[in-house]
């Protein structure tokens, strides 16, 4: 029995050697896992949906039962009063796509449309509800533009009125634009609350400097206090609106500096009555 086992052991060793050789041959001809093919190495191209998925990307709802707004005189815009109150009470702020507000601590974290949404939730919740009814998510700049542009110029829809000309803006009005064509920003545009009457740029009949409140990651020029502080979030600055012959805004400059480029886009102006 012991003598008969030697041929079996030799055959087994031969079979194992053959299998190992075949496995080595297969590995030699297989593509190395560390060398991806051209198709897998190619970076995926960003889609418009991905590019737009920045401003308001958390879809945070505004407070369902907001605290009562600060008392305001009948002559003052409730939205202006609320924006001014927030700026007066802010102790910490940052530009964030997730809306987080701690009134007791004076902390305000939101993006531009989050700022407007929060201010509306306190000052005019029914006006916010009208915009939300037309949007599938928390209203962003894009949804505010679409809502306001659907109102015929000079008319109103509920508490909202469309302001046709940049020169007609009043403190407490809303300025919102779509991101310009070719922009790679992940935001859909920018949203602001007017804090002072617009003024004509000297020597121009079609350019207006507009003081605004907003929440931004990029200050509006050197005159913006957020620039010197290296801060983001809630603050105040100035923009410039360029109009056509009728006075309707057709372009903007991010700041009132000569170096700020003119950018054409759709711009909507609105007022909460």
C-alpha atoms as a PDB file:
ATOM      1  CA  UNK A   1       0.000   0.000   0.000  1.00  0.00           C
ATOM      2  CA  UNK A   2       2.845   2.388   0.859  1.00  0.00           C
ATOM      3  CA  UNK A   3       4.616   1.570  -2.443  1.00  0.00           C
ATOM      4  CA  UNK A   4       1.402   2.281  -4.436  1.00  0.00           C
ATOM      5  CA  UNK A   5       1.051   5.745  -2.937  1.00  0.00           C
ATOM      6  CA  UNK A   6       4.194   7.198  -4.572  1.00  0.00           C
ATOM      7  CA  UNK A   7       2.734   7.424  -8.128  1.00  0.00           C
ATOM      8  CA  UNK A   8      -0.434   9.115  -6.739  1.00  0.00           C
ATOM      9  CA  UNK A   9       1.605  11.718  -4.896  1.00  0.00           C
ATOM     10  CA  UNK A  10       3.662  12.452  -7.988  1.00  0.00           C
ATOM     11  CA  UNK A  11       0.550  12.886 -10.106  1.00  0.00           C
ATOM     12  CA  UNK A  12      -0.933  15.284  -7.551  1.00  0.00           C
ATOM     13  CA  UNK A  13       2.215  17.378  -7.504  1.00  0.00           C
ATOM     14  CA  UNK A  14       2.214  17.538 -11.276  1.00  0.00           C
ATOM     15  CA  UNK A  15      -1.414  18.695 -11.374  1.00  0.00           C
ATOM     16  CA  UNK A  16      -0.753  21.396  -8.757  1.00  0.00           C
ATOM     17  CA  UNK A  17       2.254  22.640 -10.719  1.00  0.00           C
ATOM     18  CA  UNK A  18       0.175  22.870 -13.895  1.00  0.00           C
ATOM     19  CA  UNK A  19      -2.591  24.841 -12.158  1.00  0.00           C
ATOM     20  CA  UNK A  20      -0.063  27.272 -10.679  1.00  0.00           C
ATOM     21  CA  UNK A  21       1.484  27.828 -14.093  1.00  0.00           C
ATOM     22  CA  UNK A  22      -1.889  28.565 -15.657  1.00  0.00           C
ATOM     23  CA  UNK A  23      -2.761  31.032 -12.881  1.00  0.00           C
ATOM     24  CA  UNK A  24       0.574  32.848 -13.348  1.00  0.00           C
ATOM     25  CA  UNK A  25      -0.021  33.045 -17.104  1.00  0.00           C
ATOM     26  CA  UNK A  26      -3.524  34.499 -16.553  1.00  0.00           C
ATOM     27  CA  UNK A  27      -2.203  37.141 -14.122  1.00  0.00           C
ATOM     28  CA  UNK A  28       0.549  38.139 -16.554  1.00  0.00           C
ATOM     29  CA  UNK A  29      -2.057  38.907 -19.238  1.00  0.00           C
ATOM     30  CA  UNK A  30      -4.693  40.586 -17.005  1.00  0.00           C
ATOM     31  CA  UNK A  31      -4.765  44.431 -16.829  1.00  0.00           C
ATOM     32  CA  UNK A  32      -3.218  45.794 -13.625  1.00  0.00           C
ATOM     33  CA  UNK A  33      -5.893  47.041 -11.229  1.00  0.00           C
ATOM     34  CA  UNK A  34      -3.842  50.201 -10.549  1.00  0.00           C
ATOM     35  CA  UNK A  35      -4.023  51.211 -14.208  1.00  0.00           C
ATOM     36  CA  UNK A  36      -7.679  52.184 -14.971  1.00  0.00           C
ATOM     37  CA  UNK A  37      -8.897  52.323 -18.521  1.00  0.00           C
ATOM     38  CA  UNK A  38      -9.326  55.685 -20.252  1.00  0.00           C
ATOM     39  CA  UNK A  39     -13.087  55.567 -19.724  1.00  0.00           C
ATOM     40  CA  UNK A  40     -12.859  55.003 -15.978  1.00  0.00           C
ATOM     41  CA  UNK A  41     -10.106  57.618 -15.497  1.00  0.00           C
ATOM     42  CA  UNK A  42     -12.125  60.384 -17.210  1.00  0.00           C
ATOM     43  CA  UNK A  43     -13.593  62.948 -14.781  1.00  0.00           C
ATOM     44  CA  UNK A  44     -17.412  63.112 -14.987  1.00  0.00           C
ATOM     45  CA  UNK A  45     -18.716  66.376 -16.398  1.00  0.00           C
ATOM     46  CA  UNK A  46     -20.815  68.502 -14.061  1.00  0.00           C
ATOM     47  CA  UNK A  47     -24.432  68.840 -15.056  1.00  0.00           C
ATOM     48  CA  UNK A  48     -26.552  71.952 -14.662  1.00  0.00           C
ATOM     49  CA  UNK A  49     -28.401  70.228 -11.830  1.00  0.00           C
ATOM     50  CA  UNK A  50     -25.138  69.679  -9.977  1.00  0.00           C
ATOM     51  CA  UNK A  51     -24.045  73.253 -10.575  1.00  0.00           C
ATOM     52  CA  UNK A  52     -27.342  74.602  -9.272  1.00  0.00           C
ATOM     53  CA  UNK A  53     -27.264  72.339  -6.244  1.00  0.00           C
ATOM     54  CA  UNK A  54     -25.596  74.795  -3.897  1.00  0.00           C
ATOM     55  CA  UNK A  55     -27.782  77.642  -2.728  1.00  0.00           C
ATOM     56  CA  UNK A  56     -30.435  76.211  -0.441  1.00  0.00           C
ATOM     57  CA  UNK A  57     -29.179  72.670  -1.053  1.00  0.00           C
ATOM     58  CA  UNK A  58     -30.341  71.477   2.359  1.00  0.00           C
ATOM     59  CA  UNK A  59     -33.962  72.457   1.681  1.00  0.00           C
ATOM     60  CA  UNK A  60     -34.226  73.708   5.263  1.00  0.00           C
ATOM     61  CA  UNK A  61     -37.755  74.972   5.941  1.00  0.00           C
ATOM     62  CA  UNK A  62     -38.182  78.321   7.574  1.00  0.00           C
ATOM     63  CA  UNK A  63     -39.679  78.181  11.094  1.00  0.00           C
ATOM     64  CA  UNK A  64     -43.247  76.882  10.929  1.00  0.00           C
ATOM     65  CA  UNK A  65     -44.245  79.155  13.810  1.00  0.00           C
ATOM     66  CA  UNK A  66     -41.814  82.072  13.727  1.00  0.00           C
ATOM     67  CA  UNK A  67     -41.386  84.365  16.707  1.00  0.00           C
ATOM     68  CA  UNK A  68     -43.313  87.634  16.455  1.00  0.00           C
ATOM     69  CA  UNK A  69     -41.545  90.376  14.507  1.00  0.00           C
ATOM     70  CA  UNK A  70     -40.183  93.433  16.192  1.00  0.00           C
ATOM     71  CA  UNK A  71     -42.605  96.334  16.471  1.00  0.00           C
ATOM     72  CA  UNK A  72     -42.521  98.619  13.440  1.00  0.00           C
ATOM     73  CA  UNK A  73     -44.108 101.906  12.543  1.00  0.00           C
ATOM     74  CA  UNK A  74     -46.834 101.835   9.925  1.00  0.00           C
ATOM     75  CA  UNK A  75     -44.602 103.818   7.562  1.00  0.00           C
ATOM     76  CA  UNK A  76     -41.679 101.368   7.670  1.00  0.00           C
ATOM     77  CA  UNK A  77     -41.450  98.274   5.492  1.00  0.00           C
ATOM     78  CA  UNK A  78     -41.791  95.197   7.731  1.00  0.00           C
ATOM     79  CA  UNK A  79     -39.056  93.481   5.735  1.00  0.00           C
ATOM     80  CA  UNK A  80     -36.711  96.455   6.191  1.00  0.00           C
ATOM     81  CA  UNK A  81     -37.441  96.539   9.912  1.00  0.00           C
ATOM     82  CA  UNK A  82     -36.691  92.825  10.259  1.00  0.00           C
ATOM     83  CA  UNK A  83     -33.457  92.967   8.237  1.00  0.00           C
ATOM     84  CA  UNK A  84     -32.247  95.969  10.261  1.00  0.00           C
ATOM     85  CA  UNK A  85     -33.142  94.172  13.505  1.00  0.00           C
ATOM     86  CA  UNK A  86     -31.095  91.126  12.523  1.00  0.00           C
ATOM     87  CA  UNK A  87     -28.089  93.254  11.643  1.00  0.00           C
ATOM     88  CA  UNK A  88     -28.372  95.132  14.935  1.00  0.00           C
ATOM     89  CA  UNK A  89     -28.588  91.967  17.041  1.00  0.00           C
ATOM     90  CA  UNK A  90     -26.038  89.805  15.173  1.00  0.00           C
ATOM     91  CA  UNK A  91     -23.054  88.690  17.234  1.00  0.00           C
ATOM     92  CA  UNK A  92     -21.904  85.793  15.062  1.00  0.00           C
ATOM     93  CA  UNK A  93     -22.693  85.091  11.420  1.00  0.00           C
ATOM     94  CA  UNK A  94     -21.438  83.030   8.502  1.00  0.00           C
ATOM     95  CA  UNK A  95     -22.516  82.181   4.972  1.00  0.00           C
ATOM     96  CA  UNK A  96     -23.922  78.638   5.049  1.00  0.00           C
ATOM     97  CA  UNK A  97     -26.339  76.696   2.851  1.00  0.00           C
ATOM     98  CA  UNK A  98     -27.904  75.240   6.012  1.00  0.00           C
ATOM     99  CA  UNK A  99     -30.118  77.781   7.761  1.00  0.00           C
ATOM    100  CA  UNK A 100     -29.338  77.867  11.484  1.00  0.00           C
ATOM    101  CA  UNK A 101     -30.469  80.817  13.583  1.00  0.00           C
ATOM    102  CA  UNK A 102     -30.109  81.210  17.357  1.00  0.00           C
ATOM    103  CA  UNK A 103     -31.840  84.463  18.247  1.00  0.00           C
ATOM    104  CA  UNK A 104     -30.794  84.322  21.907  1.00  0.00           C
ATOM    105  CA  UNK A 105     -27.129  84.027  20.972  1.00  0.00           C
ATOM    106  CA  UNK A 106     -27.385  86.438  18.066  1.00  0.00           C
ATOM    107  CA  UNK A 107     -26.116  83.784  15.644  1.00  0.00           C
ATOM    108  CA  UNK A 108     -27.272  83.883  12.011  1.00  0.00           C
ATOM    109  CA  UNK A 109     -26.098  81.265   9.531  1.00  0.00           C
ATOM    110  CA  UNK A 110     -27.721  81.159   6.110  1.00  0.00           C
ATOM    111  CA  UNK A 111     -27.112  81.827   2.422  1.00  0.00           C
ATOM    112  CA  UNK A 112     -28.668  84.720   0.485  1.00  0.00           C
ATOM    113  CA  UNK A 113     -32.081  83.150  -0.132  1.00  0.00           C
ATOM    114  CA  UNK A 114     -32.039  81.626   3.357  1.00  0.00           C
ATOM    115  CA  UNK A 115     -31.653  85.164   4.728  1.00  0.00           C
ATOM    116  CA  UNK A 116     -34.663  86.419   2.769  1.00  0.00           C
ATOM    117  CA  UNK A 117     -36.704  83.348   3.701  1.00  0.00           C
ATOM    118  CA  UNK A 118     -35.964  83.785   7.398  1.00  0.00           C
ATOM    119  CA  UNK A 119     -36.727  87.522   7.285  1.00  0.00           C
ATOM    120  CA  UNK A 120     -40.013  86.869   5.476  1.00  0.00           C
ATOM    121  CA  UNK A 121     -40.960  84.141   7.958  1.00  0.00           C
ATOM    122  CA  UNK A 122     -40.879  86.766  10.706  1.00  0.00           C
ATOM    123  CA  UNK A 123     -42.067  89.886   8.887  1.00  0.00           C
ATOM    124  CA  UNK A 124     -44.516  88.557   6.279  1.00  0.00           C
ATOM    125  CA  UNK A 125     -45.082  84.776   6.539  1.00  0.00           C
ATOM    126  CA  UNK A 126     -48.001  84.890   4.105  1.00  0.00           C
ATOM    127  CA  UNK A 127     -45.722  86.465   1.468  1.00  0.00           C
ATOM    128  CA  UNK A 128     -43.227  83.637   1.988  1.00  0.00           C
ATOM    129  CA  UNK A 129     -46.024  81.066   1.749  1.00  0.00           C
ATOM    130  CA  UNK A 130     -47.051  82.462  -1.647  1.00  0.00           C
ATOM    131  CA  UNK A 131     -43.554  81.880  -3.039  1.00  0.00           C
ATOM    132  CA  UNK A 132     -43.229  78.457  -1.428  1.00  0.00           C
ATOM    133  CA  UNK A 133     -46.501  77.396  -3.072  1.00  0.00           C
ATOM    134  CA  UNK A 134     -44.828  77.774  -6.486  1.00  0.00           C
ATOM    135  CA  UNK A 135     -41.603  75.948  -5.598  1.00  0.00           C
ATOM    136  CA  UNK A 136     -40.823  72.288  -5.021  1.00  0.00           C
ATOM    137  CA  UNK A 137     -38.207  73.118  -2.393  1.00  0.00           C
ATOM    138  CA  UNK A 138     -37.119  75.987  -0.180  1.00  0.00           C
ATOM    139  CA  UNK A 139     -37.215  79.001  -2.517  1.00  0.00           C
ATOM    140  CA  UNK A 140     -33.807  79.927  -3.904  1.00  0.00           C
ATOM    141  CA  UNK A 141     -32.888  82.950  -6.006  1.00  0.00           C
ATOM    142  CA  UNK A 142     -34.154  81.114  -9.082  1.00  0.00           C
ATOM    143  CA  UNK A 143     -37.601  80.541  -7.579  1.00  0.00           C
ATOM    144  CA  UNK A 144     -37.872  84.142  -6.353  1.00  0.00           C
ATOM    145  CA  UNK A 145     -37.000  85.417  -9.841  1.00  0.00           C
ATOM    146  CA  UNK A 146     -39.584  83.154 -11.466  1.00  0.00           C
ATOM    147  CA  UNK A 147     -42.249  84.182  -8.944  1.00  0.00           C
ATOM    148  CA  UNK A 148     -41.661  87.922  -9.348  1.00  0.00           C
ATOM    149  CA  UNK A 149     -41.282  87.827 -13.135  1.00  0.00           C
ATOM    150  CA  UNK A 150     -44.688  86.131 -13.374  1.00  0.00           C
ATOM    151  CA  UNK A 151     -46.310  89.271 -11.917  1.00  0.00           C
ATOM    152  CA  UNK A 152     -47.018  91.885 -14.619  1.00  0.00           C
ATOM    153  CA  UNK A 153     -44.930  95.044 -14.004  1.00  0.00           C
ATOM    154  CA  UNK A 154     -46.643  97.541 -11.731  1.00  0.00           C
ATOM    155  CA  UNK A 155     -49.251  95.018 -10.557  1.00  0.00           C
ATOM    156  CA  UNK A 156     -49.429  92.832  -7.474  1.00  0.00           C
ATOM    157  CA  UNK A 157     -50.127  89.244  -6.481  1.00  0.00           C
ATOM    158  CA  UNK A 158     -51.336  88.964  -2.908  1.00  0.00           C
ATOM    159  CA  UNK A 159     -48.850  90.889  -0.798  1.00  0.00           C
ATOM    160  CA  UNK A 160     -46.222  90.941  -3.550  1.00  0.00           C
ATOM    161  CA  UNK A 161     -45.844  93.779  -6.038  1.00  0.00           C
ATOM    162  CA  UNK A 162     -43.496  93.789  -8.998  1.00  0.00           C
ATOM    163  CA  UNK A 163     -41.330  96.925  -9.181  1.00  0.00           C
ATOM    164  CA  UNK A 164     -40.649  97.718 -12.854  1.00  0.00           C
ATOM    165  CA  UNK A 165     -37.752 100.212 -12.627  1.00  0.00           C
ATOM    166  CA  UNK A 166     -34.554 100.268 -10.595  1.00  0.00           C
ATOM    167  CA  UNK A 167     -35.058 103.946  -9.823  1.00  0.00           C
ATOM    168  CA  UNK A 168     -38.389 103.110  -8.137  1.00  0.00           C
ATOM    169  CA  UNK A 169     -36.831 100.840  -5.498  1.00  0.00           C
ATOM    170  CA  UNK A 170     -37.571 101.654  -1.863  1.00  0.00           C
ATOM    171  CA  UNK A 171     -35.987 100.447   1.396  1.00  0.00           C
ATOM    172  CA  UNK A 172     -37.377  97.003   2.184  1.00  0.00           C
ATOM    173  CA  UNK A 173     -37.781  95.978  -1.466  1.00  0.00           C
ATOM    174  CA  UNK A 174     -36.228  92.797  -2.844  1.00  0.00           C
ATOM    175  CA  UNK A 175     -33.582  92.548  -5.585  1.00  0.00           C
ATOM    176  CA  UNK A 176     -32.871  89.090  -6.963  1.00  0.00           C
ATOM    177  CA  UNK A 177     -31.038  87.942 -10.071  1.00  0.00           C
ATOM    178  CA  UNK A 178     -30.173  84.717 -11.861  1.00  0.00           C
ATOM    179  CA  UNK A 179     -26.556  83.697 -12.178  1.00  0.00           C
ATOM    180  CA  UNK A 180     -25.210  85.034 -15.502  1.00  0.00           C
ATOM    181  CA  UNK A 181     -24.787  82.760 -18.491  1.00  0.00           C
ATOM    182  CA  UNK A 182     -21.479  80.924 -18.357  1.00  0.00           C
ATOM    183  CA  UNK A 183     -21.174  81.175 -14.576  1.00  0.00           C
ATOM    184  CA  UNK A 184     -19.828  78.074 -12.834  1.00  0.00           C
ATOM    185  CA  UNK A 185     -21.318  79.098  -9.493  1.00  0.00           C
ATOM    186  CA  UNK A 186     -23.226  76.424  -7.592  1.00  0.00           C
ATOM    187  CA  UNK A 187     -25.755  79.071  -6.571  1.00  0.00           C
ATOM    188  CA  UNK A 188     -28.774  79.857  -8.737  1.00  0.00           C
ATOM    189  CA  UNK A 189     -28.276  83.604  -8.383  1.00  0.00           C
ATOM    190  CA  UNK A 190     -28.275  86.191  -5.598  1.00  0.00           C
ATOM    191  CA  UNK A 191     -30.965  87.640  -3.337  1.00  0.00           C
ATOM    192  CA  UNK A 192     -30.896  90.943  -1.399  1.00  0.00           C
ATOM    193  CA  UNK A 193     -33.079  93.320   0.602  1.00  0.00           C
ATOM    194  CA  UNK A 194     -32.801  97.025  -0.242  1.00  0.00           C
ATOM    195  CA  UNK A 195     -31.715  99.110   2.770  1.00  0.00           C
ATOM    196  CA  UNK A 196     -31.680 102.605   1.230  1.00  0.00           C
ATOM    197  CA  UNK A 197     -32.969 104.574  -1.729  1.00  0.00           C
ATOM    198  CA  UNK A 198     -31.036 104.042  -4.984  1.00  0.00           C
ATOM    199  CA  UNK A 199     -28.939 106.894  -6.364  1.00  0.00           C
ATOM    200  CA  UNK A 200     -27.972 107.606  -9.962  1.00  0.00           C
ATOM    201  CA  UNK A 201     -24.337 107.100 -10.893  1.00  0.00           C
ATOM    202  CA  UNK A 202     -22.932 110.539 -11.800  1.00  0.00           C
ATOM    203  CA  UNK A 203     -22.922 111.055 -15.544  1.00  0.00           C
ATOM    204  CA  UNK A 204     -25.202 108.083 -16.218  1.00  0.00           C
ATOM    205  CA  UNK A 205     -28.954 107.836 -16.676  1.00  0.00           C
ATOM    206  CA  UNK A 206     -29.000 104.052 -16.695  1.00  0.00           C
ATOM    207  CA  UNK A 207     -26.888 103.081 -13.660  1.00  0.00           C
ATOM    208  CA  UNK A 208     -28.032 103.112 -10.028  1.00  0.00           C
ATOM    209  CA  UNK A 209     -26.135 102.412  -6.809  1.00  0.00           C
ATOM    210  CA  UNK A 210     -28.369 100.392  -4.470  1.00  0.00           C
ATOM    211  CA  UNK A 211     -27.577  99.914  -0.748  1.00  0.00           C
ATOM    212  CA  UNK A 212     -28.495  96.377   0.313  1.00  0.00           C
ATOM    213  CA  UNK A 213     -28.597  93.847   3.150  1.00  0.00           C
ATOM    214  CA  UNK A 214     -27.582  90.288   2.238  1.00  0.00           C
ATOM    215  CA  UNK A 215     -25.774  87.146   3.317  1.00  0.00           C
ATOM    216  CA  UNK A 216     -22.758  86.438   1.163  1.00  0.00           C
ATOM    217  CA  UNK A 217     -19.395  84.697   1.076  1.00  0.00           C
ATOM    218  CA  UNK A 218     -17.999  87.527  -1.049  1.00  0.00           C
ATOM    219  CA  UNK A 219     -18.164  91.139   0.230  1.00  0.00           C
ATOM    220  CA  UNK A 220     -19.318  93.917  -2.080  1.00  0.00           C
ATOM    221  CA  UNK A 221     -16.000  95.689  -2.525  1.00  0.00           C
ATOM    222  CA  UNK A 222     -13.579  97.300  -0.077  1.00  0.00           C
ATOM    223  CA  UNK A 223     -16.283  99.544   1.406  1.00  0.00           C
ATOM    224  CA  UNK A 224     -18.157  96.472   2.681  1.00  0.00           C
ATOM    225  CA  UNK A 225     -17.270  95.992   6.374  1.00  0.00           C
ATOM    226  CA  UNK A 226     -17.122  92.227   5.818  1.00  0.00           C
ATOM    227  CA  UNK A 227     -14.116  92.740   3.531  1.00  0.00           C
ATOM    228  CA  UNK A 228     -11.852  94.286   6.164  1.00  0.00           C
ATOM    229  CA  UNK A 229     -13.048  91.819   8.792  1.00  0.00           C
ATOM    230  CA  UNK A 230     -12.562  88.787   6.540  1.00  0.00           C
ATOM    231  CA  UNK A 231     -16.121  87.838   7.420  1.00  0.00           C
ATOM    232  CA  UNK A 232     -18.961  86.103   5.587  1.00  0.00           C
ATOM    233  CA  UNK A 233     -22.684  85.972   6.248  1.00  0.00           C
ATOM    234  CA  UNK A 234     -25.080  88.752   7.182  1.00  0.00           C
ATOM    235  CA  UNK A 235     -24.031  92.326   6.418  1.00  0.00           C
ATOM    236  CA  UNK A 236     -24.596  95.390   4.294  1.00  0.00           C
ATOM    237  CA  UNK A 237     -23.056  96.659   1.095  1.00  0.00           C
ATOM    238  CA  UNK A 238     -23.782  98.315  -2.242  1.00  0.00           C
ATOM    239  CA  UNK A 239     -24.453  96.951  -5.699  1.00  0.00           C
ATOM    240  CA  UNK A 240     -24.930  98.706  -9.011  1.00  0.00           C
ATOM    241  CA  UNK A 241     -27.867  98.043 -11.318  1.00  0.00           C
ATOM    242  CA  UNK A 242     -27.666  98.883 -15.022  1.00  0.00           C
ATOM    243  CA  UNK A 243     -30.961  99.492 -16.798  1.00  0.00           C
ATOM    244  CA  UNK A 244     -32.324  99.751 -20.319  1.00  0.00           C
ATOM    245  CA  UNK A 245     -33.933 102.911 -21.673  1.00  0.00           C
ATOM    246  CA  UNK A 246     -37.184 102.137 -19.824  1.00  0.00           C
ATOM    247  CA  UNK A 247     -35.426 101.859 -16.469  1.00  0.00           C
ATOM    248  CA  UNK A 248     -35.774  98.074 -16.154  1.00  0.00           C
ATOM    249  CA  UNK A 249     -32.625  96.382 -14.795  1.00  0.00           C
ATOM    250  CA  UNK A 250     -30.730  94.276 -17.319  1.00  0.00           C
ATOM    251  CA  UNK A 251     -27.292  93.895 -15.712  1.00  0.00           C
ATOM    252  CA  UNK A 252     -25.458  94.376 -12.420  1.00  0.00           C
ATOM    253  CA  UNK A 253     -22.070  95.115 -10.927  1.00  0.00           C
ATOM    254  CA  UNK A 254     -21.258  93.262  -7.712  1.00  0.00           C
ATOM    255  CA  UNK A 255     -19.854  96.442  -6.195  1.00  0.00           C
ATOM    256  CA  UNK A 256     -19.641 100.143  -6.975  1.00  0.00           C
ATOM    257  CA  UNK A 257     -15.944  99.810  -7.825  1.00  0.00           C
ATOM    258  CA  UNK A 258     -14.701 100.577 -11.322  1.00  0.00           C
ATOM    259  CA  UNK A 259     -13.004  97.205 -11.456  1.00  0.00           C
ATOM    260  CA  UNK A 260     -16.300  95.355 -10.888  1.00  0.00           C
ATOM    261  CA  UNK A 261     -17.417  93.951 -14.271  1.00  0.00           C
ATOM    262  CA  UNK A 262     -20.899  94.454 -15.693  1.00  0.00           C
ATOM    263  CA  UNK A 263     -22.826  91.191 -15.931  1.00  0.00           C
ATOM    264  CA  UNK A 264     -26.010  90.835 -17.941  1.00  0.00           C
ATOM    265  CA  UNK A 265     -28.728  88.565 -16.573  1.00  0.00           C
ATOM    266  CA  UNK A 266     -32.395  88.404 -15.587  1.00  0.00           C
ATOM    267  CA  UNK A 267     -33.063  90.684 -12.599  1.00  0.00           C
ATOM    268  CA  UNK A 268     -36.365  90.863 -10.700  1.00  0.00           C
ATOM    269  CA  UNK A 269     -37.460  93.600  -8.316  1.00  0.00           C
ATOM    270  CA  UNK A 270     -40.262  93.110  -5.804  1.00  0.00           C
ATOM    271  CA  UNK A 271     -42.023  94.718  -2.872  1.00  0.00           C
ATOM    272  CA  UNK A 272     -43.955  93.221   0.027  1.00  0.00           C
ATOM    273  CA  UNK A 273     -47.001  95.450   0.465  1.00  0.00           C
END
